[in-house]
Amino acid sequence: MNKYQSSNHAAVVADSLNLPFRNESFDLIIASEIIEHVIQPELLIKELFRCVKKNGVLIISTPYKEVIKYSLCIHCNQKTPVNAHLHSFDEKKLLSLYNDKDLKRIEWFTFGNKALMHLRLHVILKYLPFYLWKLIDKMCNLLINRRANIILKLTKKD
């Protein structure tokens, strides 16, 4: 079953802490909304960064300052995170996860507004040009500072 029939696109199922790729295999790796699910996020970043080429980039996105909710598991009677999110991140916690000699630059930024999400305004905003959505998002974050997501960009030395 090939959904994406392209010589430049392939699907791989693997352990995120033990990827089946050689060192420095990729120019860019994007890990979108997975780090909050991993027991040891610092090991995930280390493994992903191992696969990034010199001068390459690792981009990680995750919910920003998420309040993790728990429910009681009916099977084991233990507290269980509702969305299987094990960690909540802000810029300080994300920046502390990886600091190595092969790191050239670290950048981060936040985006999205929880108020806009709760009001379900994405139904309307999705029809707007991206620059206009970004402007509305920025204004909402100035008025109601409830940012929803954070992106960390790590650039490897050459």
N, C-alpha and C. Protein backbone atom coordinates (compact mmCIF):
# COMPACT_ATOMS: atom_id res chain seq x y z
N MET A 1 0.84 -1.18 0.00
CA MET A 1 0.00 0.00 0.00
C MET A 1 0.89 1.24 0.00
N ASN A 2 1.03 1.88 -1.13
CA ASN A 2 1.83 3.09 -1.26
C ASN A 2 0.94 4.30 -1.38
N LYS A 3 0.90 5.09 -0.32
CA LYS A 3 0.12 6.31 -0.37
C LYS A 3 0.88 7.41 -1.09
N TYR A 4 2.22 7.42 -0.92
CA TYR A 4 3.05 8.45 -1.51
C TYR A 4 4.04 7.77 -2.45
N GLN A 5 3.68 7.68 -3.69
CA GLN A 5 4.55 7.02 -4.65
C GLN A 5 5.57 8.02 -5.17
N SER A 6 6.70 8.04 -4.50
CA SER A 6 7.77 8.95 -4.86
C SER A 6 9.10 8.34 -4.43
N SER A 7 10.11 8.57 -5.22
CA SER A 7 11.43 8.05 -4.85
C SER A 7 12.02 8.84 -3.68
N ASN A 8 11.46 10.01 -3.38
CA ASN A 8 11.96 10.86 -2.29
C ASN A 8 11.14 10.72 -1.01
N HIS A 9 10.22 9.80 -0.98
CA HIS A 9 9.32 9.68 0.18
C HIS A 9 9.21 8.21 0.58
N ALA A 10 9.44 7.97 1.84
CA ALA A 10 9.33 6.59 2.34
C ALA A 10 8.84 6.63 3.78
N ALA A 11 8.15 5.58 4.18
CA ALA A 11 7.68 5.46 5.56
C ALA A 11 8.58 4.46 6.28
N VAL A 12 8.92 4.80 7.53
CA VAL A 12 9.75 3.93 8.34
C VAL A 12 9.11 3.82 9.71
N VAL A 13 8.98 2.60 10.21
CA VAL A 13 8.50 2.37 11.56
C VAL A 13 9.70 1.93 12.38
N ALA A 14 9.99 2.68 13.47
CA ALA A 14 11.19 2.38 14.25
C ALA A 14 11.06 2.92 15.66
N ASP A 15 11.95 2.47 16.51
CA ASP A 15 12.06 2.98 17.87
C ASP A 15 12.71 4.36 17.78
N SER A 16 12.05 5.38 18.32
CA SER A 16 12.57 6.75 18.19
C SER A 16 13.86 6.97 18.95
N LEU A 17 14.20 6.08 19.87
CA LEU A 17 15.45 6.22 20.62
C LEU A 17 16.57 5.37 20.03
N ASN A 18 16.26 4.65 18.95
CA ASN A 18 17.25 3.81 18.29
C ASN A 18 16.89 3.76 16.80
N LEU A 19 17.09 4.87 16.12
CA LEU A 19 16.68 4.99 14.72
C LEU A 19 17.59 4.18 13.79
N PRO A 20 17.01 3.58 12.74
CA PRO A 20 17.78 2.73 11.84
C PRO A 20 18.49 3.52 10.73
N PHE A 21 19.11 4.63 11.08
CA PHE A 21 19.80 5.47 10.10
C PHE A 21 21.25 5.68 10.52
N ARG A 22 22.11 5.86 9.52
CA ARG A 22 23.51 6.16 9.81
C ARG A 22 23.64 7.56 10.39
N ASN A 23 24.74 7.81 11.06
CA ASN A 23 25.04 9.16 11.55
C ASN A 23 25.02 10.14 10.38
N GLU A 24 24.52 11.33 10.64
CA GLU A 24 24.51 12.41 9.66
C GLU A 24 23.87 12.01 8.33
N SER A 25 22.66 11.48 8.40
CA SER A 25 21.94 11.04 7.21
C SER A 25 21.05 12.11 6.57
N PHE A 26 20.60 13.09 7.36
CA PHE A 26 19.57 14.02 6.87
C PHE A 26 19.98 15.48 7.06
N ASP A 27 19.58 16.31 6.10
CA ASP A 27 19.79 17.75 6.19
C ASP A 27 18.83 18.37 7.20
N LEU A 28 17.63 17.82 7.27
CA LEU A 28 16.58 18.37 8.12
C LEU A 28 15.74 17.24 8.70
N ILE A 29 15.48 17.32 9.99
CA ILE A 29 14.55 16.40 10.64
C ILE A 29 13.52 17.24 11.38
N ILE A 30 12.25 16.90 11.18
CA ILE A 30 11.16 17.57 11.89
C ILE A 30 10.48 16.55 12.78
N ALA A 31 10.49 16.81 14.07
CA ALA A 31 9.82 15.94 15.05
C ALA A 31 8.63 16.75 15.58
N SER A 32 7.50 16.55 14.98
CA SER A 32 6.32 17.34 15.29
C SER A 32 5.40 16.62 16.26
N GLU A 33 5.25 17.21 17.44
CA GLU A 33 4.30 16.75 18.45
C GLU A 33 4.55 15.31 18.90
N ILE A 34 5.83 14.95 19.12
CA ILE A 34 6.11 13.62 19.65
C ILE A 34 6.91 13.64 20.95
N ILE A 35 7.68 14.71 21.17
CA ILE A 35 8.58 14.72 22.33
C ILE A 35 7.82 14.64 23.66
N GLU A 36 6.61 15.14 23.70
CA GLU A 36 5.83 15.10 24.94
C GLU A 36 5.36 13.69 25.29
N HIS A 37 5.47 12.77 24.35
CA HIS A 37 5.05 11.38 24.56
C HIS A 37 6.18 10.45 24.98
N VAL A 38 7.42 10.93 24.92
CA VAL A 38 8.60 10.09 25.16
C VAL A 38 9.02 10.16 26.62
N ILE A 39 9.34 9.01 27.20
CA ILE A 39 9.72 8.97 28.61
C ILE A 39 10.98 9.78 28.88
N GLN A 40 11.99 9.66 28.01
CA GLN A 40 13.25 10.40 28.18
C GLN A 40 13.47 11.31 26.98
N PRO A 41 12.89 12.51 27.01
CA PRO A 41 12.98 13.40 25.84
C PRO A 41 14.41 13.80 25.47
N GLU A 42 15.31 13.87 26.45
CA GLU A 42 16.69 14.23 26.14
C GLU A 42 17.35 13.18 25.26
N LEU A 43 16.97 11.91 25.43
CA LEU A 43 17.52 10.84 24.59
C LEU A 43 16.95 10.91 23.17
N LEU A 44 15.70 11.32 23.05
CA LEU A 44 15.10 11.50 21.73
C LEU A 44 15.86 12.57 20.95
N ILE A 45 16.10 13.71 21.58
CA ILE A 45 16.81 14.79 20.91
C ILE A 45 18.22 14.35 20.52
N LYS A 46 18.90 13.67 21.40
CA LYS A 46 20.25 13.18 21.11
C LYS A 46 20.25 12.24 19.91
N GLU A 47 19.28 11.33 19.86
CA GLU A 47 19.20 10.36 18.75
C GLU A 47 18.84 11.05 17.44
N LEU A 48 17.91 11.98 17.48
CA LEU A 48 17.54 12.71 16.26
C LEU A 48 18.71 13.55 15.77
N PHE A 49 19.39 14.22 16.69
CA PHE A 49 20.52 15.07 16.32
C PHE A 49 21.68 14.25 15.77
N ARG A 50 21.81 13.02 16.19
CA ARG A 50 22.84 12.11 15.65
C ARG A 50 22.63 11.91 14.15
N CYS A 51 21.38 11.90 13.72
CA CYS A 51 21.04 11.64 12.32
C CYS A 51 21.10 12.89 11.44
N VAL A 52 21.31 14.06 12.05
CA VAL A 52 21.37 15.31 11.29
C VAL A 52 22.79 15.54 10.76
N LYS A 53 22.89 15.92 9.48
CA LYS A 53 24.18 16.21 8.86
C LYS A 53 24.79 17.48 9.46
N LYS A 54 26.07 17.67 9.23
CA LYS A 54 26.74 18.91 9.62
C LYS A 54 26.03 20.08 8.93
N ASN A 55 25.81 21.15 9.66
CA ASN A 55 25.06 22.32 9.18
C ASN A 55 23.57 22.02 8.98
N GLY A 56 23.14 20.84 9.40
CA GLY A 56 21.74 20.46 9.28
C GLY A 56 20.91 21.00 10.44
N VAL A 57 19.62 20.77 10.35
CA VAL A 57 18.69 21.35 11.32
C VAL A 57 17.75 20.29 11.87
N LEU A 58 17.49 20.38 13.17
CA LEU A 58 16.47 19.57 13.84
C LEU A 58 15.41 20.53 14.36
N ILE A 59 14.17 20.30 13.96
CA ILE A 59 13.05 21.12 14.40
C ILE A 59 12.11 20.26 15.23
N ILE A 60 11.79 20.75 16.42
CA ILE A 60 10.92 20.02 17.34
C ILE A 60 9.75 20.93 17.71
N SER A 61 8.53 20.43 17.56
CA SER A 61 7.36 21.20 18.00
C SER A 61 6.61 20.40 19.06
N THR A 62 6.00 21.15 19.99
CA THR A 62 5.30 20.51 21.10
C THR A 62 4.32 21.52 21.71
N PRO A 63 3.31 21.06 22.43
CA PRO A 63 2.45 22.01 23.15
C PRO A 63 3.28 22.84 24.13
N TYR A 64 2.86 24.08 24.34
CA TYR A 64 3.59 25.02 25.19
C TYR A 64 2.91 25.14 26.56
N LYS A 65 3.68 24.88 27.60
CA LYS A 65 3.20 24.99 28.99
C LYS A 65 1.83 24.32 29.16
N GLU A 66 1.74 23.12 28.67
CA GLU A 66 0.48 22.37 28.73
C GLU A 66 0.21 21.91 30.16
N VAL A 67 -1.03 22.03 30.57
CA VAL A 67 -1.45 21.46 31.85
C VAL A 67 -1.89 20.03 31.54
N ILE A 68 -1.10 19.08 32.01
CA ILE A 68 -1.39 17.68 31.71
C ILE A 68 -2.51 17.18 32.61
N LYS A 69 -3.54 16.63 31.97
CA LYS A 69 -4.69 16.11 32.71
C LYS A 69 -4.57 14.60 32.82
N TYR A 70 -5.05 14.09 33.93
CA TYR A 70 -4.96 12.66 34.20
C TYR A 70 -6.35 12.08 34.45
N SER A 71 -6.48 10.81 34.15
CA SER A 71 -7.68 10.07 34.51
C SER A 71 -7.22 8.76 35.18
N LEU A 72 -8.14 8.10 35.79
CA LEU A 72 -7.82 6.84 36.45
C LEU A 72 -8.02 5.70 35.45
N CYS A 73 -6.98 4.92 35.23
CA CYS A 73 -7.05 3.80 34.28
C CYS A 73 -7.96 2.71 34.84
N ILE A 74 -8.88 2.25 34.02
CA ILE A 74 -9.80 1.20 34.48
C ILE A 74 -9.13 -0.16 34.57
N HIS A 75 -7.97 -0.32 33.95
CA HIS A 75 -7.28 -1.60 33.96
C HIS A 75 -6.31 -1.75 35.13
N CYS A 76 -5.54 -0.67 35.39
CA CYS A 76 -4.50 -0.78 36.42
C CYS A 76 -4.76 0.10 37.65
N ASN A 77 -5.82 0.90 37.59
CA ASN A 77 -6.19 1.77 38.69
C ASN A 77 -5.10 2.79 39.04
N GLN A 78 -4.34 3.22 38.01
CA GLN A 78 -3.27 4.20 38.18
C GLN A 78 -3.63 5.48 37.42
N LYS A 79 -3.05 6.60 37.88
CA LYS A 79 -3.21 7.86 37.16
C LYS A 79 -2.56 7.73 35.79
N THR A 80 -3.31 8.10 34.75
CA THR A 80 -2.83 7.99 33.38
C THR A 80 -3.07 9.30 32.65
N PRO A 81 -2.06 9.84 31.95
CA PRO A 81 -2.26 11.10 31.21
C PRO A 81 -3.31 10.91 30.11
N VAL A 82 -4.25 11.84 30.04
CA VAL A 82 -5.37 11.73 29.11
C VAL A 82 -4.90 11.61 27.65
N ASN A 83 -3.99 12.46 27.22
CA ASN A 83 -3.52 12.44 25.83
C ASN A 83 -2.21 11.70 25.66
N ALA A 84 -1.81 10.95 26.66
CA ALA A 84 -0.53 10.25 26.68
C ALA A 84 0.64 11.23 26.64
N HIS A 85 0.39 12.47 27.07
CA HIS A 85 1.47 13.45 27.18
C HIS A 85 2.13 13.27 28.54
N LEU A 86 3.40 12.93 28.51
CA LEU A 86 4.15 12.68 29.74
C LEU A 86 4.86 13.92 30.26
N HIS A 87 5.08 14.90 29.38
CA HIS A 87 5.84 16.10 29.74
C HIS A 87 5.15 17.35 29.23
N SER A 88 5.38 18.42 29.93
CA SER A 88 4.95 19.75 29.50
C SER A 88 6.21 20.59 29.33
N PHE A 89 6.29 21.33 28.23
CA PHE A 89 7.52 22.06 27.92
C PHE A 89 7.29 23.56 27.81
N ASP A 90 8.30 24.29 28.25
CA ASP A 90 8.43 25.70 27.94
C ASP A 90 9.83 25.86 27.36
N GLU A 91 10.20 27.09 27.03
CA GLU A 91 11.50 27.30 26.39
C GLU A 91 12.66 26.87 27.29
N LYS A 92 12.56 27.13 28.58
CA LYS A 92 13.64 26.80 29.50
C LYS A 92 13.87 25.28 29.56
N LYS A 93 12.79 24.53 29.68
CA LYS A 93 12.92 23.07 29.77
C LYS A 93 13.43 22.48 28.45
N LEU A 94 12.91 22.98 27.33
CA LEU A 94 13.37 22.48 26.03
C LEU A 94 14.85 22.78 25.81
N LEU A 95 15.26 24.00 26.14
CA LEU A 95 16.65 24.39 25.92
C LEU A 95 17.62 23.60 26.81
N SER A 96 17.13 23.12 27.93
CA SER A 96 18.00 22.37 28.84
C SER A 96 18.21 20.92 28.41
N LEU A 97 17.43 20.44 27.44
CA LEU A 97 17.50 19.03 27.06
C LEU A 97 18.72 18.66 26.23
N TYR A 98 19.26 19.63 25.49
CA TYR A 98 20.39 19.27 24.63
C TYR A 98 21.37 20.44 24.56
N ASN A 99 22.57 20.21 24.99
CA ASN A 99 23.62 21.22 24.91
C ASN A 99 24.93 20.47 24.69
N ASP A 100 25.34 20.41 23.45
CA ASP A 100 26.52 19.62 23.10
C ASP A 100 27.49 20.47 22.29
N LYS A 101 28.70 19.98 22.15
CA LYS A 101 29.75 20.69 21.44
C LYS A 101 29.46 20.84 19.95
N ASP A 102 28.61 19.97 19.39
CA ASP A 102 28.32 20.03 17.97
C ASP A 102 27.10 20.91 17.64
N LEU A 103 26.67 21.69 18.60
CA LEU A 103 25.52 22.57 18.42
C LEU A 103 25.98 23.96 18.00
N LYS A 104 25.52 24.40 16.85
CA LYS A 104 25.91 25.70 16.31
C LYS A 104 24.98 26.81 16.80
N ARG A 105 23.67 26.54 16.76
CA ARG A 105 22.72 27.59 17.11
C ARG A 105 21.43 26.96 17.64
N ILE A 106 20.83 27.64 18.61
CA ILE A 106 19.53 27.24 19.16
C ILE A 106 18.57 28.42 18.99
N GLU A 107 17.41 28.14 18.43
CA GLU A 107 16.37 29.15 18.30
C GLU A 107 15.05 28.54 18.77
N TRP A 108 14.15 29.37 19.24
CA TRP A 108 12.83 28.90 19.61
C TRP A 108 11.82 30.01 19.42
N PHE A 109 10.58 29.64 19.16
CA PHE A 109 9.50 30.62 19.15
C PHE A 109 8.18 29.94 19.47
N THR A 110 7.27 30.73 19.97
CA THR A 110 5.95 30.22 20.32
C THR A 110 4.94 30.75 19.30
N PHE A 111 3.85 30.03 19.16
CA PHE A 111 2.79 30.46 18.25
C PHE A 111 1.48 29.81 18.68
N GLY A 112 0.41 30.26 18.07
CA GLY A 112 -0.91 29.73 18.40
C GLY A 112 -1.40 30.37 19.70
N ASN A 113 -2.69 30.47 19.84
CA ASN A 113 -3.28 31.06 21.03
C ASN A 113 -4.39 30.14 21.51
N LYS A 114 -4.32 29.77 22.78
CA LYS A 114 -5.29 28.84 23.35
C LYS A 114 -6.71 29.41 23.32
N ALA A 115 -6.84 30.72 23.45
CA ALA A 115 -8.17 31.34 23.39
C ALA A 115 -8.78 31.14 22.01
N LEU A 116 -7.98 31.34 20.96
CA LEU A 116 -8.47 31.12 19.59
C LEU A 116 -8.87 29.67 19.38
N MET A 117 -8.11 28.76 19.98
CA MET A 117 -8.41 27.34 19.85
C MET A 117 -9.73 26.99 20.54
N HIS A 118 -9.90 27.49 21.77
CA HIS A 118 -11.11 27.19 22.53
C HIS A 118 -12.35 27.80 21.89
N LEU A 119 -12.19 28.94 21.24
CA LEU A 119 -13.30 29.57 20.54
C LEU A 119 -13.55 28.94 19.16
N ARG A 120 -12.72 28.00 18.79
CA ARG A 120 -12.82 27.28 17.51
C ARG A 120 -12.77 28.21 16.30
N LEU A 121 -11.96 29.26 16.41
CA LEU A 121 -11.87 30.23 15.33
C LEU A 121 -11.07 29.71 14.13
N HIS A 122 -10.43 28.54 14.29
CA HIS A 122 -9.70 27.96 13.15
C HIS A 122 -10.65 27.69 11.97
N VAL A 123 -11.93 27.51 12.26
CA VAL A 123 -12.92 27.27 11.20
C VAL A 123 -12.96 28.46 10.24
N ILE A 124 -12.78 29.66 10.77
CA ILE A 124 -12.76 30.88 9.95
C ILE A 124 -11.34 31.21 9.51
N LEU A 125 -10.39 31.12 10.45
CA LEU A 125 -9.01 31.54 10.17
C LEU A 125 -8.35 30.72 9.07
N LYS A 126 -8.77 29.49 8.87
CA LYS A 126 -8.12 28.64 7.86
C LYS A 126 -8.31 29.17 6.44
N TYR A 127 -9.28 30.05 6.26
CA TYR A 127 -9.53 30.63 4.93
C TYR A 127 -8.71 31.90 4.68
N LEU A 128 -8.06 32.40 5.71
CA LEU A 128 -7.27 33.62 5.58
C LEU A 128 -5.86 33.32 5.09
N PRO A 129 -5.23 34.29 4.43
CA PRO A 129 -3.82 34.10 4.06
C PRO A 129 -2.98 33.92 5.32
N PHE A 130 -1.87 33.18 5.20
CA PHE A 130 -1.05 32.85 6.35
C PHE A 130 -0.55 34.10 7.09
N TYR A 131 -0.13 35.13 6.34
CA TYR A 131 0.38 36.34 6.99
C TYR A 131 -0.69 36.99 7.86
N LEU A 132 -1.95 36.92 7.43
CA LEU A 132 -3.05 37.51 8.20
C LEU A 132 -3.33 36.67 9.45
N TRP A 133 -3.28 35.33 9.31
CA TRP A 133 -3.45 34.46 10.47
C TRP A 133 -2.36 34.75 11.49
N LYS A 134 -1.10 34.90 11.02
CA LYS A 134 0.01 35.18 11.93
C LYS A 134 -0.20 36.51 12.65
N LEU A 135 -0.71 37.51 11.96
CA LEU A 135 -0.97 38.81 12.57
C LEU A 135 -2.05 38.70 13.65
N ILE A 136 -3.13 38.01 13.35
CA ILE A 136 -4.21 37.82 14.32
C ILE A 136 -3.70 37.04 15.53
N ASP A 137 -2.92 36.01 15.27
CA ASP A 137 -2.34 35.20 16.34
C ASP A 137 -1.44 36.05 17.23
N LYS A 138 -0.61 36.87 16.63
CA LYS A 138 0.30 37.73 17.38
C LYS A 138 -0.47 38.73 18.24
N MET A 139 -1.51 39.33 17.68
CA MET A 139 -2.33 40.29 18.44
C MET A 139 -3.03 39.61 19.61
N CYS A 140 -3.55 38.42 19.38
CA CYS A 140 -4.21 37.67 20.46
C CYS A 140 -3.23 37.32 21.57
N ASN A 141 -2.00 36.97 21.20
CA ASN A 141 -1.00 36.63 22.21
C ASN A 141 -0.54 37.87 22.98
N LEU A 142 -0.66 39.05 22.38
CA LEU A 142 -0.38 40.28 23.12
C LEU A 142 -1.50 40.60 24.10
N LEU A 143 -2.73 40.37 23.66
CA LEU A 143 -3.90 40.65 24.51
C LEU A 143 -4.12 39.57 25.57
N ILE A 144 -4.09 38.33 25.12
CA ILE A 144 -4.32 37.19 26.01
C ILE A 144 -3.11 36.27 25.85
N ASN A 145 -2.15 36.39 26.72
CA ASN A 145 -0.89 35.65 26.59
C ASN A 145 -1.09 34.18 26.98
N ARG A 146 -1.72 33.42 26.10
CA ARG A 146 -1.97 31.99 26.31
C ARG A 146 -1.48 31.23 25.07
N ARG A 147 -0.17 31.22 24.90
CA ARG A 147 0.43 30.57 23.72
C ARG A 147 0.19 29.06 23.76
N ALA A 148 0.03 28.48 22.59
CA ALA A 148 -0.35 27.07 22.51
C ALA A 148 0.80 26.13 22.15
N ASN A 149 1.74 26.59 21.34
CA ASN A 149 2.80 25.70 20.85
C ASN A 149 4.15 26.38 20.89
N ILE A 150 5.18 25.55 20.94
CA ILE A 150 6.56 26.04 20.88
C ILE A 150 7.33 25.20 19.87
N ILE A 151 8.22 25.87 19.15
CA ILE A 151 9.10 25.20 18.20
C ILE A 151 10.54 25.48 18.61
N LEU A 152 11.34 24.42 18.65
CA LEU A 152 12.76 24.51 18.95
C LEU A 152 13.51 24.16 17.68
N LYS A 153 14.47 24.99 17.30
CA LYS A 153 15.28 24.75 16.11
C LYS A 153 16.75 24.65 16.52
N LEU A 154 17.32 23.47 16.32
CA LEU A 154 18.73 23.22 16.63
C LEU A 154 19.51 23.08 15.33
N THR A 155 20.58 23.85 15.20
CA THR A 155 21.42 23.78 14.00
C THR A 155 22.77 23.19 14.40
N LYS A 156 23.20 22.20 13.63
CA LYS A 156 24.45 21.50 13.91
C LYS A 156 25.63 22.25 13.30
N LYS A 157 26.76 22.21 14.00
CA LYS A 157 27.99 22.83 13.48
C LYS A 157 28.45 22.13 12.22
N ASP A 158 29.26 22.85 11.43
CA ASP A 158 29.83 22.23 10.23
C ASP A 158 31.18 21.63 10.52
